[in-house]
Amino acid sequence: MLACPWAARARLTEAQHGELLAVIAMAAQTNALKTALQVPVDMAFRKVGGH
């Protein structure tokens, strides 16, 4: 039984849930490194026109 209600509703297996949490954790680590190192956003990913 999954501890997260949304994971159970999405019918994720324990393995899929663990994999999803690992991906989320890696994204959080990447964002923390980017913030700590103050890496500028590449021009290809910047929004044009401020929208």
N, C-alpha and C. Protein backbone atom coordinates (compact mmCIF):
# COMPACT_ATOMS: atom_id res chain seq x y z
N MET A 1 0.84 -1.19 0.00
CA MET A 1 0.00 0.00 0.00
C MET A 1 0.88 1.25 0.00
N LEU A 2 0.58 2.17 -0.91
CA LEU A 2 1.35 3.40 -1.01
C LEU A 2 0.91 4.40 0.06
N ALA A 3 1.88 5.14 0.58
CA ALA A 3 1.59 6.11 1.62
C ALA A 3 0.94 7.38 1.05
N CYS A 4 1.23 7.70 -0.21
CA CYS A 4 0.68 8.90 -0.84
C CYS A 4 -0.64 8.59 -1.52
N PRO A 5 -1.71 9.29 -1.13
CA PRO A 5 -3.01 9.04 -1.76
C PRO A 5 -3.01 9.31 -3.25
N TRP A 6 -2.30 10.35 -3.70
CA TRP A 6 -2.29 10.66 -5.14
C TRP A 6 -1.58 9.58 -5.93
N ALA A 7 -0.56 8.97 -5.35
CA ALA A 7 0.15 7.89 -6.04
C ALA A 7 -0.74 6.67 -6.18
N ALA A 8 -1.54 6.42 -5.16
CA ALA A 8 -2.47 5.29 -5.22
C ALA A 8 -3.55 5.56 -6.26
N ARG A 9 -4.05 6.80 -6.31
CA ARG A 9 -5.07 7.15 -7.31
C ARG A 9 -4.51 7.05 -8.72
N ALA A 10 -3.23 7.38 -8.88
CA ALA A 10 -2.58 7.30 -10.20
C ALA A 10 -2.19 5.86 -10.53
N ARG A 11 -2.45 4.95 -9.58
CA ARG A 11 -2.15 3.52 -9.75
C ARG A 11 -0.67 3.26 -10.01
N LEU A 12 0.17 4.00 -9.29
CA LEU A 12 1.61 3.78 -9.39
C LEU A 12 1.99 2.56 -8.55
N THR A 13 2.94 1.80 -9.03
CA THR A 13 3.48 0.72 -8.22
C THR A 13 4.47 1.32 -7.22
N GLU A 14 4.88 0.54 -6.25
CA GLU A 14 5.89 1.01 -5.29
C GLU A 14 7.17 1.42 -6.03
N ALA A 15 7.56 0.63 -7.03
CA ALA A 15 8.78 0.92 -7.80
C ALA A 15 8.63 2.23 -8.59
N GLN A 16 7.48 2.42 -9.21
CA GLN A 16 7.25 3.65 -9.99
C GLN A 16 7.23 4.86 -9.06
N HIS A 17 6.61 4.72 -7.91
CA HIS A 17 6.55 5.81 -6.94
C HIS A 17 7.96 6.17 -6.48
N GLY A 18 8.77 5.17 -6.17
CA GLY A 18 10.15 5.41 -5.75
C GLY A 18 10.96 6.09 -6.84
N GLU A 19 10.76 5.67 -8.08
CA GLU A 19 11.46 6.28 -9.22
C GLU A 19 11.06 7.74 -9.40
N LEU A 20 9.77 8.01 -9.27
CA LEU A 20 9.28 9.39 -9.37
C LEU A 20 9.89 10.27 -8.29
N LEU A 21 9.92 9.76 -7.07
CA LEU A 21 10.52 10.53 -5.97
C LEU A 21 12.01 10.77 -6.20
N ALA A 22 12.70 9.80 -6.79
CA ALA A 22 14.12 9.98 -7.09
C ALA A 22 14.34 11.07 -8.13
N VAL A 23 13.49 11.10 -9.15
CA VAL A 23 13.59 12.14 -10.19
C VAL A 23 13.32 13.52 -9.58
N ILE A 24 12.30 13.61 -8.73
CA ILE A 24 11.97 14.88 -8.08
C ILE A 24 13.13 15.34 -7.20
N ALA A 25 13.73 14.42 -6.46
CA ALA A 25 14.87 14.76 -5.59
C ALA A 25 16.06 15.24 -6.41
N MET A 26 16.32 14.60 -7.55
CA MET A 26 17.44 15.01 -8.40
C MET A 26 17.20 16.41 -8.97
N ALA A 27 15.96 16.70 -9.36
CA ALA A 27 15.63 18.03 -9.87
C ALA A 27 15.83 19.09 -8.78
N ALA A 28 15.46 18.76 -7.56
CA ALA A 28 15.64 19.69 -6.45
C ALA A 28 17.12 19.96 -6.19
N GLN A 29 17.93 18.92 -6.27
CA GLN A 29 19.38 19.08 -6.09
C GLN A 29 19.97 19.95 -7.20
N THR A 30 19.53 19.71 -8.43
CA THR A 30 20.01 20.50 -9.56
C THR A 30 19.65 21.97 -9.38
N ASN A 31 18.41 22.23 -8.98
CA ASN A 31 17.98 23.61 -8.75
C ASN A 31 18.77 24.27 -7.62
N ALA A 32 19.06 23.51 -6.58
CA ALA A 32 19.84 24.05 -5.46
C ALA A 32 21.26 24.41 -5.91
N LEU A 33 21.87 23.56 -6.74
CA LEU A 33 23.20 23.85 -7.26
C LEU A 33 23.19 25.08 -8.16
N LYS A 34 22.17 25.17 -9.02
CA LYS A 34 22.05 26.31 -9.92
C LYS A 34 21.94 27.60 -9.11
N THR A 35 21.13 27.57 -8.06
CA THR A 35 20.95 28.74 -7.22
C THR A 35 22.23 29.10 -6.48
N ALA A 36 22.89 28.10 -5.92
CA ALA A 36 24.12 28.34 -5.15
C ALA A 36 25.24 28.88 -6.04
N LEU A 37 25.34 28.37 -7.26
CA LEU A 37 26.41 28.80 -8.17
C LEU A 37 26.02 30.01 -9.00
N GLN A 38 24.78 30.46 -8.89
CA GLN A 38 24.26 31.61 -9.62
C GLN A 38 24.51 31.49 -11.12
N VAL A 39 24.15 30.35 -11.67
CA VAL A 39 24.32 30.10 -13.09
C VAL A 39 23.24 30.87 -13.85
N PRO A 40 23.63 31.68 -14.86
CA PRO A 40 22.61 32.42 -15.62
C PRO A 40 21.81 31.49 -16.53
N VAL A 41 20.58 31.90 -16.81
CA VAL A 41 19.72 31.12 -17.70
C VAL A 41 20.21 31.32 -19.13
N ASP A 42 20.32 30.24 -19.88
CA ASP A 42 20.74 30.30 -21.27
C ASP A 42 19.73 31.11 -22.07
N MET A 43 20.21 31.89 -23.04
CA MET A 43 19.34 32.74 -23.85
C MET A 43 18.24 31.94 -24.55
N ALA A 44 18.51 30.70 -24.91
CA ALA A 44 17.51 29.88 -25.61
C ALA A 44 16.29 29.59 -24.73
N PHE A 45 16.44 29.71 -23.41
CA PHE A 45 15.36 29.39 -22.50
C PHE A 45 14.73 30.62 -21.85
N ARG A 46 15.24 31.80 -22.18
CA ARG A 46 14.67 33.03 -21.62
C ARG A 46 13.39 33.41 -22.35
N LYS A 47 12.46 33.95 -21.61
CA LYS A 47 11.21 34.41 -22.20
C LYS A 47 11.45 35.76 -22.86
N VAL A 48 10.86 35.95 -24.02
CA VAL A 48 10.98 37.20 -24.74
C VAL A 48 9.71 38.02 -24.50
N GLY A 49 9.85 39.28 -24.23
CA GLY A 49 8.69 40.15 -24.05
C GLY A 49 8.15 40.18 -22.64
N GLY A 50 8.74 39.44 -21.71
CA GLY A 50 8.33 39.49 -20.31
C GLY A 50 7.03 38.80 -19.99
N HIS A 51 6.54 37.93 -20.86
CA HIS A 51 5.27 37.21 -20.60
C HIS A 51 5.55 35.86 -20.04
